[in-house]
Every structure is written in C-alpha cells, then in structure tokens.
Amino acid sequence: MTAAVLTGAGAALPTTLDQEAAWDGFFAEHYAGVRAARRIFLGAGVRRRHAVANPLDEDLSGWSTGARMARYIQEALPLGKQAVAGALDSAGLAPGDVGLFAVATCTGYATPGLDIRLASDLGMPPGLQRLLVGHMGCYAAIPGLAAVGDFVTARSRPAVLLCCELTSLHVQPAQNDLEQVVAHALFSDAAAAVVVEPGAGRGHRLAAIVARTDASTSDHMTWDVTDLGFRMGLSPRVPDVLSRHVGDVVDELLAGAGLRVEDVAGWAVHPGGPRIIDVVRDELGLAEEQVGASRRVLAEHGNCSSATVLLVLQELGDVDGPIVAMAFGPGLTLYAALLLPA
C-alpha cells in the first residue's frame, strides 16, 4: 500500500497583538465589573496572538454575522494563499501537481468557498478534487489529514490540507460570562497548510488515526451561530473529560505500531489552554520539555483552532522518530495521529 507522507508545511499569520495591550486597550472595558476577568485573561498562557480584526483599532462585537462572513473571505484569501504556496514550495511541488485540496475552517463560510477561490488563484488544475471540512472546531486538522491521506494512498497523487481560522471576527458583545472571557483570552487567527505525497522518501508518513467522542459531555464545548457571529461555549470541566480519555487514545494509537509512550520522539499537542497541556503531560507521564512546542505556540500564537496543531508540528521541526499529534474539540472529541519517519 502506498504511504501518505507529509513532505511540506507553510503558515501565514496576520497582525500580532500583545495580550496585555489587548486587555488594557479593549477587553478591560469590555469586561468591566466581571470578577476575575483580568486574572483569567492574563493567565491564559498567551503572550502574543494574531488578529485580522484588531480590537484596539475596530470593535466588531456589534457586527452582523453576514458582515463578519464577508470580512472572512476578504481576509482569509491572502492568508490561505500564502500558507498553501509556502507548503507547496517546501515540498518542491507546483500547484498543478495537486490532486486534492482540502480546507478546514469553522470561522467563516461562503460559496464559492476558499477551496474554489484559492484553487483558481493558485493555478491548481480544473480537474482538482476538493473537500471542505466545516465546523468541526479545534480538532479538524486531524480528520482532515485522515481524508487527504486516504486520497493520497488510494489515488497516488499529492494532496494539500489548509486550516484557516479567523476567530477575531467573532468577538462577542460584552457579557458577564467567564466562559466568554476565557474564549476571548485564548483564541487567535492563523492559516496553516501541509502537503501530503504518495510514497515520498522524506518527511513523516501518516501511520494511524484514532478518534474518541464522549457524547455525554457534548454541552461542554459549543460553537453556536448567532446573529452576532459565532459564540463559543467552553466549560471549565473540559480538561477533566480529556483526562479520562487521553491515555486510552494514545495507547490504542501506539499499540498498532508496536510502540510505547517512551518511543515517541515528538509530541504535537493542541494547546487548547494551559490546563489542557498540563492534563496531557500528566496523564501520559511526559516531561515538561516534551510539551514545550505546545507551550511556545500557545504563548506566541494563542489557540488558532484547527490551524494550531499544524503550527505545533512546524514548531517541532525535524524530529528523528515517531510523532504523535493530538487535538481536542466539540463532542467532546479527541483525535490523534501517529506519524512515522518515511
């Protein structure tokens, strides 16, 4: 069977926003009178993040969903183009080589969508197959990888996955709601892309995918379409649910390849927040330095939803050995991928 191998990666980030400046210049007034808001905001593990809509310059909290969607297309196109072009360049491929182009996003929708518009702008072939992975949230990169990996294995043609998330377009009206404070403290904007090729002799091959959904906790994380953008619901119980399942998911992922936790050379853990990283570290018995890439991405980029785990993979750099990538989101759902040296 032809291996599906990750051979290239690219990313694009909008304007950088300092976390303290964002609090002082906008969110302090936005959450005036909300007890503990400042402590939560500045304790989120984020130093800097990125925003196409900088709250220091413009307040989108009263914008309609329609206006936010129009802005999404305007902002996502150049970011997505830069990320995909960078990934293709790093893989040494041209746009015309791509057989499948998949786009994952939960922060913006339009038809024709990013998949069609970017394929045209980049010069991908008219016979290109396309896939849009929508509204899965923070874990969407891994089922996206599973889909493009299956295509590459079955068709022996290269594929590209783009995750493009612009959470800054969904700033919500001021409310006395600590869940909203947490969401606004963590979430950020980014585009990240990977190239997957058949049978390449470099990079890491996609060896296995494991998913686990605990539907009994589906109310713990939500992403609701409202008349004023998309509204995040985020329970403080999410790390506790994660702690019950992450060990079994990783054991199942590694067992199929005859591996143990100690054999893993690189950990790309989606940094949903500081407690999420803590739980994964503690439940798997990892050293703090083994989740260092996730900490750094959270600190320098924030939680960029589906794009984040791809940013962590890029932060890991060249790893000589097995890599485990994990992401978590609505459901509650855990997804994990095993990447082995090609």
Protein backbone atom coordinates (compact mmCIF):
# COMPACT_ATOMS: atom_id res chain seq x y z
CA MET A 1 0.00 0.00 0.00
CA THR A 2 1.27 3.46 -0.91
CA ALA A 3 2.28 5.52 2.11
CA ALA A 4 0.85 9.02 2.60
CA VAL A 5 3.81 11.19 3.61
CA LEU A 6 3.82 14.76 4.96
CA THR A 7 6.51 16.50 2.91
CA GLY A 8 5.85 20.23 3.23
CA ALA A 9 4.30 22.82 5.51
CA GLY A 10 3.51 26.51 5.42
CA ALA A 11 1.81 29.11 7.58
CA ALA A 12 0.56 32.69 7.41
CA LEU A 13 -0.19 34.94 10.36
CA PRO A 14 -1.96 38.30 10.43
CA THR A 15 -1.00 41.26 12.63
CA THR A 16 0.47 40.37 16.03
CA LEU A 17 -1.45 41.56 19.08
CA ASP A 18 0.13 41.79 22.53
CA GLN A 19 -2.04 40.11 25.17
CA GLU A 20 -1.63 42.81 27.83
CA ALA A 21 -2.24 45.56 25.27
CA ALA A 22 -5.43 43.77 24.15
CA TRP A 23 -6.63 43.69 27.76
CA ASP A 24 -5.71 47.27 28.58
CA GLY A 25 -6.92 48.73 25.30
CA PHE A 26 -10.20 46.84 24.80
CA PHE A 27 -11.15 43.89 26.98
CA ALA A 28 -10.71 45.65 30.34
CA GLU A 29 -13.60 47.93 29.43
CA HIS A 30 -15.45 45.14 27.61
CA TYR A 31 -15.50 43.09 30.83
CA ALA A 32 -15.57 45.94 33.34
CA GLY A 33 -17.09 44.66 36.57
CA VAL A 34 -16.68 40.97 35.68
CA ARG A 35 -14.94 39.47 38.68
CA ALA A 36 -11.66 37.64 37.92
CA ALA A 37 -11.75 38.66 34.26
CA ARG A 38 -8.31 40.28 34.29
CA ARG A 39 -6.71 37.36 36.13
CA ILE A 40 -8.21 34.86 33.66
CA PHE A 41 -7.28 36.91 30.61
CA LEU A 42 -3.66 37.47 31.62
CA GLY A 43 -3.29 33.93 32.99
CA ALA A 44 -4.26 32.17 29.77
CA GLY A 45 -0.68 31.29 28.83
CA VAL A 46 -0.81 33.66 25.84
CA ARG A 47 1.73 36.47 25.42
CA ARG A 48 1.02 37.34 21.82
CA ARG A 49 -1.53 36.32 19.21
CA HIS A 50 -2.77 37.38 15.82
CA ALA A 51 -5.87 39.16 14.59
CA VAL A 52 -7.21 40.25 11.22
CA ALA A 53 -9.61 42.42 13.23
CA ASN A 54 -7.53 44.11 15.91
CA PRO A 55 -9.87 45.15 18.76
CA LEU A 56 -7.57 48.09 19.50
CA ASP A 57 -8.47 49.51 16.08
CA GLU A 58 -12.03 48.30 15.48
CA ASP A 59 -14.84 46.82 17.56
CA LEU A 60 -16.68 44.07 15.68
CA SER A 61 -18.79 42.96 18.65
CA GLY A 62 -21.93 44.56 17.20
CA TRP A 63 -21.40 43.35 13.62
CA SER A 64 -23.95 41.05 11.98
CA THR A 65 -22.95 37.53 11.02
CA GLY A 66 -23.33 38.46 7.36
CA ALA A 67 -20.84 41.30 7.69
CA ARG A 68 -18.40 39.03 9.51
CA MET A 69 -18.65 36.37 6.77
CA ALA A 70 -17.93 38.95 4.07
CA ARG A 71 -14.88 40.07 6.04
CA TYR A 72 -13.79 36.43 6.44
CA ILE A 73 -13.43 35.92 2.69
CA GLN A 74 -11.62 39.24 2.30
CA GLU A 75 -9.06 38.33 4.97
CA ALA A 76 -8.80 34.55 4.53
CA LEU A 77 -7.91 34.55 0.84
CA PRO A 78 -4.45 36.16 1.12
CA LEU A 79 -3.60 34.23 4.29
CA GLY A 80 -4.67 30.91 2.81
CA LYS A 81 -2.81 31.60 -0.42
CA GLN A 82 0.41 32.38 1.46
CA ALA A 83 0.16 29.26 3.63
CA VAL A 84 -0.57 26.89 0.73
CA ALA A 85 2.11 28.44 -1.51
CA GLY A 86 4.63 28.06 1.32
CA ALA A 87 3.70 24.43 1.86
CA LEU A 88 3.99 23.62 -1.85
CA ASP A 89 7.34 25.39 -2.07
CA SER A 90 8.72 23.47 0.90
CA ALA A 91 7.58 20.21 -0.69
CA GLY A 92 9.04 21.16 -4.07
CA LEU A 93 5.68 20.87 -5.83
CA ALA A 94 3.75 23.12 -8.19
CA PRO A 95 0.01 23.87 -7.81
CA GLY A 96 -0.64 21.82 -10.93
CA ASP A 97 0.64 18.69 -9.17
CA VAL A 98 -2.15 18.70 -6.58
CA GLY A 99 -4.91 16.09 -6.89
CA LEU A 100 -6.98 17.01 -3.81
CA PHE A 101 -7.28 20.32 -1.99
CA ALA A 102 -8.96 20.15 1.42
CA VAL A 103 -9.86 23.18 3.53
CA ALA A 104 -10.82 23.04 7.20
CA THR A 105 -12.44 26.02 8.88
CA CYS A 106 -15.10 26.74 11.48
CA THR A 107 -14.87 30.54 11.47
CA GLY A 108 -16.15 31.53 8.03
CA TYR A 109 -18.39 30.34 5.22
CA ALA A 110 -19.13 31.41 1.67
CA THR A 111 -19.99 29.75 -1.62
CA PRO A 112 -17.86 29.69 -3.73
CA GLY A 113 -15.63 28.95 -0.75
CA LEU A 114 -11.93 29.19 -0.01
CA ASP A 115 -11.34 25.83 -1.71
CA ILE A 116 -12.66 27.05 -5.07
CA ARG A 117 -11.27 30.58 -4.93
CA LEU A 118 -7.80 29.59 -3.76
CA ALA A 119 -7.53 26.71 -6.22
CA SER A 120 -8.23 29.19 -9.00
CA ASP A 121 -5.87 31.86 -7.65
CA LEU A 122 -3.03 29.39 -7.16
CA GLY A 123 -3.43 27.75 -10.55
CA MET A 124 -4.47 24.30 -9.42
CA PRO A 125 -5.86 22.13 -12.23
CA PRO A 126 -9.55 22.31 -13.24
CA GLY A 127 -9.87 18.58 -12.58
CA LEU A 128 -8.83 19.10 -8.96
CA GLN A 129 -10.87 17.31 -6.31
CA ARG A 130 -11.87 19.46 -3.33
CA LEU A 131 -13.09 18.88 0.21
CA LEU A 132 -14.42 21.38 2.76
CA VAL A 133 -14.25 20.32 6.42
CA GLY A 134 -16.56 22.70 8.26
CA HIS A 135 -17.49 23.48 11.86
CA MET A 136 -15.53 20.64 13.48
CA GLY A 137 -13.53 23.11 15.55
CA CYS A 138 -10.09 22.72 17.06
CA TYR A 139 -9.53 19.06 16.11
CA ALA A 140 -10.45 19.39 12.41
CA ALA A 141 -6.86 19.20 11.15
CA ILE A 142 -6.55 15.53 12.07
CA PRO A 143 -9.69 14.18 10.37
CA GLY A 144 -8.64 16.47 7.52
CA LEU A 145 -5.28 14.71 7.43
CA ALA A 146 -7.05 11.35 7.52
CA ALA A 147 -9.12 12.30 4.48
CA VAL A 148 -6.24 13.61 2.40
CA GLY A 149 -4.10 10.67 3.49
CA ASP A 150 -6.72 8.22 2.26
CA PHE A 151 -6.88 10.07 -1.06
CA VAL A 152 -3.11 10.01 -1.48
CA THR A 153 -2.96 6.29 -0.68
CA ALA A 154 -5.85 5.39 -2.99
CA ARG A 155 -5.03 7.69 -5.93
CA SER A 156 -1.23 8.00 -5.68
CA ARG A 157 -1.47 11.76 -6.14
CA PRO A 158 -0.41 14.63 -3.86
CA ALA A 159 -2.90 16.49 -1.69
CA VAL A 160 -2.92 19.72 0.31
CA LEU A 161 -4.73 20.44 3.59
CA LEU A 162 -5.31 24.05 4.61
CA CYS A 163 -6.65 25.06 8.03
CA CYS A 164 -7.68 28.71 8.10
CA GLU A 165 -9.30 30.18 11.20
CA LEU A 166 -10.14 33.84 11.89
CA THR A 167 -11.55 33.82 15.40
CA SER A 168 -11.05 37.57 15.85
CA LEU A 169 -14.07 38.09 13.59
CA HIS A 170 -16.29 36.59 16.29
CA VAL A 171 -15.69 38.89 19.25
CA GLN A 172 -18.96 38.89 21.18
CA PRO A 173 -20.92 41.70 22.85
CA ALA A 174 -19.93 42.45 26.44
CA GLN A 175 -21.48 39.95 28.88
CA ASN A 176 -20.93 38.95 32.49
CA ASP A 177 -19.79 35.50 31.40
CA LEU A 178 -16.46 33.96 32.39
CA GLU A 179 -16.64 31.42 29.55
CA GLN A 180 -16.57 34.33 27.10
CA VAL A 181 -13.61 35.86 28.94
CA VAL A 182 -11.71 32.57 28.56
CA ALA A 183 -12.58 32.29 24.86
CA HIS A 184 -11.52 35.86 24.13
CA ALA A 185 -8.31 35.36 26.11
CA LEU A 186 -7.25 32.27 24.16
CA PHE A 187 -8.38 32.38 20.56
CA SER A 188 -6.34 33.73 17.69
CA ASP A 189 -6.07 33.80 13.89
CA ALA A 190 -3.83 31.75 11.60
CA ALA A 191 -3.63 29.79 8.37
CA ALA A 192 -1.52 26.63 8.20
CA ALA A 193 -1.12 24.09 5.40
CA VAL A 194 0.55 20.74 4.83
CA VAL A 195 1.37 18.78 1.69
CA VAL A 196 0.88 15.00 1.67
CA GLU A 197 2.54 12.94 -1.09
CA PRO A 198 2.42 9.27 -2.10
CA GLY A 199 5.45 7.17 -1.20
CA ALA A 200 7.89 10.01 -0.62
CA GLY A 201 11.25 9.07 0.86
CA ARG A 202 11.41 12.12 3.13
CA GLY A 203 9.20 13.51 5.88
CA HIS A 204 6.82 11.54 8.09
CA ARG A 205 4.17 9.12 6.90
CA LEU A 206 0.66 9.08 8.30
CA ALA A 207 0.63 5.69 10.03
CA ALA A 208 -2.58 5.72 12.10
CA ILE A 209 -5.52 7.82 13.28
CA VAL A 210 -7.59 7.25 16.41
CA ALA A 211 -10.74 9.16 17.38
CA ARG A 212 -12.79 9.18 20.55
CA THR A 213 -16.01 11.13 21.19
CA ASP A 214 -17.66 11.34 24.60
CA ALA A 215 -21.16 12.43 23.60
CA SER A 216 -22.26 12.56 27.24
CA THR A 217 -20.22 15.76 27.56
CA SER A 218 -21.34 17.40 24.32
CA ASP A 219 -22.55 20.50 26.14
CA HIS A 220 -19.04 21.23 27.47
CA MET A 221 -17.81 22.82 24.24
CA THR A 222 -20.07 24.51 21.70
CA TRP A 223 -19.75 26.89 18.76
CA ASP A 224 -23.13 28.42 18.03
CA VAL A 225 -24.10 30.51 15.01
CA THR A 226 -25.85 33.65 16.26
CA ASP A 227 -26.98 36.88 14.62
CA LEU A 228 -23.79 38.47 16.01
CA GLY A 229 -21.20 35.98 14.81
CA PHE A 230 -20.28 32.59 16.27
CA ARG A 231 -20.38 32.23 20.05
CA MET A 232 -18.07 29.90 21.97
CA GLY A 233 -19.27 27.83 24.90
CA LEU A 234 -16.38 26.45 26.94
CA SER A 235 -16.87 24.59 30.20
CA PRO A 236 -14.09 24.51 32.81
CA ARG A 237 -14.74 20.74 33.02
CA VAL A 238 -13.16 20.09 29.59
CA PRO A 239 -9.70 19.16 30.99
CA ASP A 240 -11.32 16.66 33.37
CA VAL A 241 -13.05 14.89 30.48
CA LEU A 242 -9.84 14.89 28.49
CA SER A 243 -8.02 13.30 31.42
CA ARG A 244 -10.40 10.32 31.30
CA HIS A 245 -9.73 9.50 27.66
CA VAL A 246 -6.31 10.68 26.50
CA GLY A 247 -4.39 7.71 27.92
CA ASP A 248 -6.58 5.13 26.19
CA VAL A 249 -6.50 7.01 22.89
CA VAL A 250 -2.71 7.21 22.87
CA ASP A 251 -2.34 3.56 23.93
CA GLU A 252 -4.59 2.47 21.06
CA LEU A 253 -2.73 4.70 18.60
CA LEU A 254 0.69 3.37 19.56
CA ALA A 255 -0.25 -0.28 20.08
CA GLY A 256 -0.99 -0.81 16.41
CA ALA A 257 2.61 0.13 15.58
CA GLY A 258 4.11 -1.81 18.48
CA LEU A 259 5.17 1.40 20.22
CA ARG A 260 5.00 2.78 23.74
CA VAL A 261 4.83 6.34 25.03
CA GLU A 262 8.60 6.25 25.70
CA ASP A 263 9.24 5.58 21.99
CA VAL A 264 7.63 8.83 20.82
CA ALA A 265 10.21 11.43 19.77
CA GLY A 266 7.87 14.38 19.27
CA TRP A 267 4.56 15.45 20.80
CA ALA A 268 2.33 17.91 18.92
CA VAL A 269 -0.41 18.53 21.47
CA HIS A 270 -3.11 21.05 20.60
CA PRO A 271 -2.70 23.81 23.21
CA GLY A 272 -6.34 24.44 23.94
CA GLY A 273 -5.22 26.21 27.10
CA PRO A 274 -2.62 25.76 29.85
CA ARG A 275 -4.69 23.17 31.74
CA ILE A 276 -5.16 21.10 28.57
CA ILE A 277 -1.40 20.83 28.14
CA ASP A 278 -1.00 20.03 31.85
CA VAL A 279 -3.53 17.18 31.64
CA VAL A 280 -1.90 15.57 28.61
CA ARG A 281 1.55 15.86 30.18
CA ASP A 282 0.45 14.38 33.49
CA GLU A 283 -1.81 11.60 32.15
CA LEU A 284 0.87 10.39 29.72
CA GLY A 285 3.74 10.84 32.17
CA LEU A 286 5.60 13.27 29.91
CA ALA A 287 8.34 15.66 30.97
CA GLU A 288 7.58 19.37 30.68
CA GLU A 289 10.07 19.78 27.82
CA GLN A 290 8.13 17.20 25.80
CA VAL A 291 5.16 19.59 25.63
CA GLY A 292 7.41 22.60 25.11
CA ALA A 293 6.39 23.11 21.49
CA SER A 294 2.75 23.33 22.53
CA ARG A 295 3.55 25.84 25.30
CA ARG A 296 5.51 28.00 22.87
CA VAL A 297 2.77 28.01 20.25
CA LEU A 298 0.17 28.94 22.87
CA ALA A 299 2.39 31.75 24.19
CA GLU A 300 3.36 33.18 20.80
CA HIS A 301 0.26 32.48 18.72
CA GLY A 302 -2.66 31.65 21.03
CA ASN A 303 -5.23 28.98 20.23
CA CYS A 304 -5.83 29.23 16.48
CA SER A 305 -8.47 26.48 16.44
CA SER A 306 -7.85 23.87 13.72
CA ALA A 307 -4.63 25.50 12.49
CA THR A 308 -2.93 25.21 15.88
CA VAL A 309 -1.82 21.57 15.83
CA LEU A 310 -0.23 22.17 12.42
CA LEU A 311 1.65 25.13 13.90
CA VAL A 312 2.87 22.86 16.72
CA LEU A 313 4.08 20.30 14.17
CA GLN A 314 6.03 23.08 12.46
CA GLU A 315 7.40 24.24 15.82
CA LEU A 316 8.69 20.71 16.47
CA GLY A 317 10.81 20.92 13.34
CA ASP A 318 12.74 17.91 12.08
CA VAL A 319 12.15 15.06 14.51
CA ASP A 320 14.04 11.80 14.07
CA GLY A 321 11.45 9.32 15.23
CA PRO A 322 7.71 8.84 15.80
CA ILE A 323 5.49 11.87 16.32
CA VAL A 324 2.06 11.93 17.95
CA ALA A 325 -0.27 14.80 17.02
CA MET A 326 -3.37 15.34 19.16
CA ALA A 327 -6.26 17.78 19.08
CA PHE A 328 -9.48 18.18 21.00
CA GLY A 329 -12.80 19.88 20.35
CA PRO A 330 -16.58 19.77 20.37
CA GLY A 331 -18.16 16.44 21.04
CA LEU A 332 -16.14 16.26 23.28
CA THR A 333 -13.83 14.71 20.72
CA LEU A 334 -10.20 13.63 20.86
CA TYR A 335 -8.32 12.93 17.64
CA ALA A 336 -4.76 11.60 17.48
CA ALA A 337 -2.42 10.83 14.58
CA LEU A 338 0.76 8.77 14.52
CA LEU A 339 3.46 9.98 12.15
CA LEU A 340 6.43 7.71 11.47
CA PRO A 341 9.65 8.55 9.59
CA ALA A 342 9.23 7.83 5.87
